Protein backbone atom coordinates (compact mmCIF):
# COMPACT_ATOMS: atom_id res chain seq x y z
CA MET A 1 77.58 113.02 122.40
CA ALA A 2 77.19 111.76 119.14
CA SER A 3 74.70 111.47 116.92
CA ARG A 4 72.88 109.11 115.36
CA SER A 5 74.32 108.69 112.25
CA THR A 6 77.28 108.75 113.37
CA LEU A 7 76.82 105.36 115.51
CA LEU A 8 75.28 104.09 112.40
CA SER A 9 78.51 104.27 110.54
CA TRP A 10 80.71 103.34 112.58
CA GLN A 11 78.50 100.71 113.02
CA ALA A 12 78.75 99.70 109.49
CA PHE A 13 82.72 100.44 109.59
CA LYS A 14 82.53 98.18 112.64
CA GLN A 15 80.82 95.22 110.62
CA TRP A 16 82.91 95.79 107.51
CA ALA A 17 86.43 95.94 109.21
CA LEU A 18 85.22 92.57 111.44
CA GLY A 19 84.03 90.79 108.26
CA PRO A 20 84.90 88.34 105.96
CA THR A 21 86.37 91.31 103.80
CA GLY A 22 87.86 93.37 106.59
CA LEU A 23 91.29 94.75 108.16
CA ARG A 24 91.92 91.18 109.68
CA THR A 25 91.85 89.42 106.42
CA THR A 26 94.10 89.87 103.42
CA HIS A 27 91.15 90.99 101.28
CA ALA A 28 92.18 94.71 102.87
CA TRP A 29 96.19 93.97 103.45
CA GLY A 30 96.30 92.76 99.95
CA PRO A 31 95.55 95.83 97.91
CA ILE A 32 97.29 98.05 101.00
CA SER A 33 100.67 96.09 100.53
CA ASN A 34 99.82 96.79 96.51
CA ALA A 35 99.39 100.04 96.43
CA GLY A 36 102.87 101.33 96.01
CA LEU A 37 103.19 99.67 92.65
CA PRO A 38 100.91 102.08 90.95
CA LEU A 39 102.38 105.18 92.50
CA SER A 40 105.72 104.22 91.79
CA GLY A 41 104.89 103.89 88.00
CA LEU A 42 103.04 107.01 88.30
CA ALA A 43 106.51 108.53 89.58
CA ASP A 44 108.17 107.02 87.00
CA LEU A 45 106.23 108.92 84.41
CA GLN A 46 108.97 111.99 85.30
CA LYS A 47 111.72 109.85 83.86
CA PRO A 48 113.19 109.53 80.58
CA PRO A 49 112.18 106.46 79.30
CA GLU A 50 115.78 105.41 78.99
CA TYR A 51 116.14 105.34 82.82
CA ILE A 52 113.03 102.62 83.04
CA SER A 53 114.22 98.82 82.67
CA GLU A 54 111.40 97.47 80.29
CA ASN A 55 112.63 93.80 81.82
CA MET A 56 111.04 95.04 85.49
CA THR A 57 108.45 97.19 83.74
CA ALA A 58 107.07 93.80 81.51
CA ALA A 59 107.73 91.62 84.97
CA LEU A 60 105.28 94.17 86.56
CA CYS A 61 102.66 94.16 83.57
CA MET A 62 102.58 90.20 84.12
CA TYR A 63 102.57 90.30 88.24
CA SER A 64 99.25 92.66 87.82
CA LEU A 65 97.76 90.65 84.89
CA LEU A 66 98.09 87.74 87.56
CA PHE A 67 96.84 89.36 90.26
CA MET A 68 93.41 90.70 88.25
CA ARG A 69 92.79 87.37 87.39
CA PHE A 70 93.53 86.09 91.05
CA ALA A 71 91.16 88.78 92.86
CA TRP A 72 88.50 88.38 89.97
CA ARG A 73 88.33 84.07 90.51
CA VAL A 74 88.86 84.39 94.71
CA GLN A 75 85.46 84.31 96.37
CA PRO A 76 84.52 86.60 97.86
CA ARG A 77 85.63 88.64 94.59
CA ASN A 78 88.26 91.00 95.79
CA TYR A 79 87.83 94.87 93.63
CA LEU A 80 89.96 96.38 95.94
CA LEU A 81 92.86 94.42 94.63
CA LEU A 82 91.76 94.42 90.94
CA ALA A 83 91.26 98.37 91.06
CA VAL A 84 94.76 98.42 92.47
CA HIS A 85 96.33 95.94 89.75
CA LEU A 86 94.31 97.35 87.20
CA SER A 87 95.65 100.93 87.26
CA ASN A 88 99.07 99.18 87.63
CA GLU A 89 98.64 97.51 84.40
CA LEU A 90 97.21 101.02 82.52
CA ILE A 91 100.08 102.58 83.95
CA GLN A 92 102.89 99.82 83.63
CA THR A 93 101.47 99.46 79.76
CA TYR A 94 101.93 102.94 79.12
CA GLN A 95 104.92 102.93 80.39
CA LEU A 96 106.61 99.66 77.78
CA GLN A 97 104.76 101.78 75.17
CA ARG A 98 107.19 105.13 75.96
CA ILE A 99 110.23 102.66 76.17
CA PHE A 100 109.65 101.11 73.05
CA GLY A 101 108.78 104.52 70.78
CA GLY A 102 105.29 104.87 71.76
CA PHE A 103 103.91 108.19 71.93
CA ASP A 104 104.77 110.33 75.32
CA LEU A 105 102.11 112.20 76.97
CA TYR A 106 103.79 113.77 79.07
CA LYS A 107 106.46 115.26 76.34
CA GLY A 108 103.25 115.13 73.53
CA ARG A 109 105.15 113.62 70.98
CA HIS A 110 106.12 110.61 69.89
CA LYS A 111 109.69 109.13 70.54
CA VAL A 112 111.92 109.19 67.61
CA PRO A 113 114.39 106.64 67.98
CA ALA A 114 117.88 107.12 67.80
CA ASP A 115 118.95 105.54 64.70
CA ARG A 116 116.33 107.41 62.92
CA GLU A 117 118.20 110.44 63.98
CA ALA A 118 121.59 110.26 63.80
CA ARG A 119 121.34 108.58 60.00
CA PRO A 120 122.85 110.68 57.52
CA GLY A 121 121.61 111.81 54.36
CA ALA A 122 117.60 110.82 55.50
CA SER A 123 115.37 114.19 55.84
CA SER A 124 113.57 115.18 58.40
CA GLY A 125 110.25 113.63 57.15
CA GLY A 126 110.95 110.85 55.10
CA LEU A 127 110.88 106.93 55.60
CA ALA A 128 114.10 105.25 54.61
CA ALA A 129 112.82 102.03 51.95
CA ALA A 130 114.53 99.12 50.70
CA VAL A 131 114.34 99.51 46.71
CA PRO A 132 115.89 96.80 44.44
CA ASP A 133 118.49 98.08 42.74
CA GLY A 134 119.11 96.94 38.68
CA ASP A 135 121.28 93.38 39.79
CA GLY A 136 118.41 92.63 42.18
CA GLN A 137 120.38 93.88 45.34
CA ARG A 138 118.55 95.91 47.89
CA THR A 139 119.83 99.05 49.26
CA ALA A 140 118.28 101.89 51.46
CA HIS A 141 116.87 104.74 49.64
CA ALA A 142 115.57 108.10 51.69
CA ALA A 143 112.27 108.46 50.21
CA SER A 144 111.48 111.88 48.52
CA SER A 145 108.34 113.59 48.23
CA GLN A 146 107.70 115.20 44.78
CA SER A 147 105.88 118.16 44.74
CA SER A 148 103.37 118.15 41.98
């Protein structure tokens, strides 16, 4: 025989499922169908940034921004959809900064752009600076640290 708390839990679930934001509405199925977006973003964390499409990542960022606004403005508010798109926005924004050379949490370091590491004569810790020559032309010189 079912206990009283089990019956109350079932009745509460049934009331929600048949209510205005329950399983028979887009308030439930929208977030369920969009839950794959942050999951695929989490799977992409294992990939090197060179294999991630920056155009698709930017499109997913815009998509999630638009649907976060929708989830907030619709009545009654769809907090589940908001949470799904907020998590996707955070993941895709992290992927964009990985693509554009930001800090990579997976590898624990900053990505070094290919043009910096392949330049001959550049020191490993120095930055290249454009310095005017005597005739006013700008040429690139490797910045060197002077010891005191």
